[in-house]
Amino acid sequence: MCEYFMRNMCNRGPLCPFRHTKGEKTVVCKHWLRGLCKKGDQCEFLHEYDMTKMPECYFYSKFGEFVLMLLGYYQHYIPAEFL
């Protein structure tokens, strides 16, 4: 994140190597989780481990099934009988 942009003082515009976005990132980068994100500071997703901001599991959102063995890093709806 560009410190000068946060203070409205960056004069580099699109040539600045740092991110020029305001607001909180709400979801952890799924590529960063696997060590594969190539965007670095330009990424629009969070690059820190935060369990409350994990991305939704693709398989769960696509198939709607809860599979305990596949939990991994992603968010799932956990049925009450598993809690």
Protein backbone atom coordinates (compact mmCIF):
# COMPACT_ATOMS: atom_id res chain seq x y z
CA MET A 1 0.00 0.00 0.00
CA CYS A 2 1.34 3.41 -0.95
CA GLU A 3 1.82 5.52 2.19
CA TYR A 4 1.78 8.73 0.15
CA PHE A 5 -1.50 7.78 -1.55
CA MET A 6 -3.10 7.21 1.87
CA ARG A 7 -2.22 10.84 2.70
CA ASN A 8 -3.29 12.09 -0.78
CA MET A 9 0.33 13.04 -1.53
CA CYS A 10 1.46 10.50 -4.18
CA ASN A 11 2.32 12.17 -7.47
CA ARG A 12 3.39 9.00 -9.32
CA GLY A 13 -0.14 7.90 -10.26
CA PRO A 14 -0.14 4.68 -12.33
CA LEU A 15 3.68 4.60 -12.29
CA CYS A 16 3.76 4.08 -8.53
CA PRO A 17 4.86 0.51 -7.67
CA PHE A 18 2.56 0.43 -4.63
CA ARG A 19 -1.18 -0.19 -4.43
CA HIS A 20 -3.50 2.82 -4.69
CA THR A 21 -6.73 1.45 -3.25
CA LYS A 22 -8.55 2.43 -0.13
CA GLY A 23 -10.77 0.23 1.94
CA GLU A 24 -10.36 -3.02 3.75
CA LYS A 25 -9.69 -6.21 1.86
CA THR A 26 -12.37 -8.69 2.80
CA VAL A 27 -11.09 -12.03 1.47
CA VAL A 28 -7.71 -13.78 1.72
CA CYS A 29 -6.07 -14.39 -1.68
CA LYS A 30 -6.52 -18.05 -2.64
CA HIS A 31 -3.35 -17.93 -4.73
CA TRP A 32 -1.34 -16.40 -1.86
CA LEU A 33 -2.48 -19.26 0.39
CA ARG A 34 -0.72 -21.68 -1.95
CA GLY A 35 2.30 -19.40 -2.44
CA LEU A 36 1.36 -18.70 -6.08
CA CYS A 37 0.15 -15.08 -6.14
CA LYS A 38 2.16 -13.04 -8.61
CA LYS A 39 0.43 -9.69 -7.98
CA GLY A 40 2.16 -8.84 -4.70
CA ASP A 41 1.08 -5.42 -3.42
CA GLN A 42 -1.10 -4.95 -6.51
CA CYS A 43 -3.36 -7.85 -5.49
CA GLU A 44 -6.91 -6.85 -4.60
CA PHE A 45 -7.09 -9.63 -1.99
CA LEU A 46 -5.63 -9.91 1.51
CA HIS A 47 -2.13 -11.38 1.86
CA GLU A 48 -2.24 -12.45 5.48
CA TYR A 49 -3.64 -15.50 7.23
CA ASP A 50 -7.00 -14.61 8.77
CA MET A 51 -9.48 -17.44 9.40
CA THR A 52 -12.40 -15.00 9.47
CA LYS A 53 -11.62 -13.83 5.92
CA MET A 54 -10.94 -17.10 4.12
CA PRO A 55 -12.41 -17.51 0.62
CA GLU A 56 -15.38 -19.81 0.18
CA CYS A 57 -14.49 -23.34 -0.89
CA TYR A 58 -15.07 -23.80 -4.64
CA PHE A 59 -16.25 -27.40 -4.26
CA TYR A 60 -18.64 -26.55 -1.46
CA SER A 61 -20.15 -23.63 -3.39
CA LYS A 62 -20.41 -25.72 -6.59
CA PHE A 63 -21.65 -29.04 -5.20
CA GLY A 64 -23.12 -27.94 -1.85
CA GLU A 65 -21.78 -30.92 0.02
CA PHE A 66 -19.92 -30.91 3.28
CA VAL A 67 -16.87 -33.18 3.19
CA LEU A 68 -14.97 -33.14 6.48
CA MET A 69 -11.73 -34.43 4.94
CA LEU A 70 -11.56 -31.60 2.40
CA LEU A 71 -11.90 -28.64 4.76
CA GLY A 72 -8.45 -27.18 4.13
CA TYR A 73 -8.18 -23.38 4.26
CA TYR A 74 -11.52 -22.43 2.77
CA GLN A 75 -14.81 -21.48 4.42
CA HIS A 76 -17.52 -24.11 4.68
CA TYR A 77 -20.92 -24.29 6.24
CA ILE A 78 -20.55 -26.91 8.94
CA PRO A 79 -23.75 -28.84 9.79
CA ALA A 80 -24.71 -28.78 13.47
CA GLU A 81 -24.20 -32.55 13.87
CA PHE A 82 -20.47 -32.07 13.16
CA LEU A 83 -19.99 -29.39 15.81
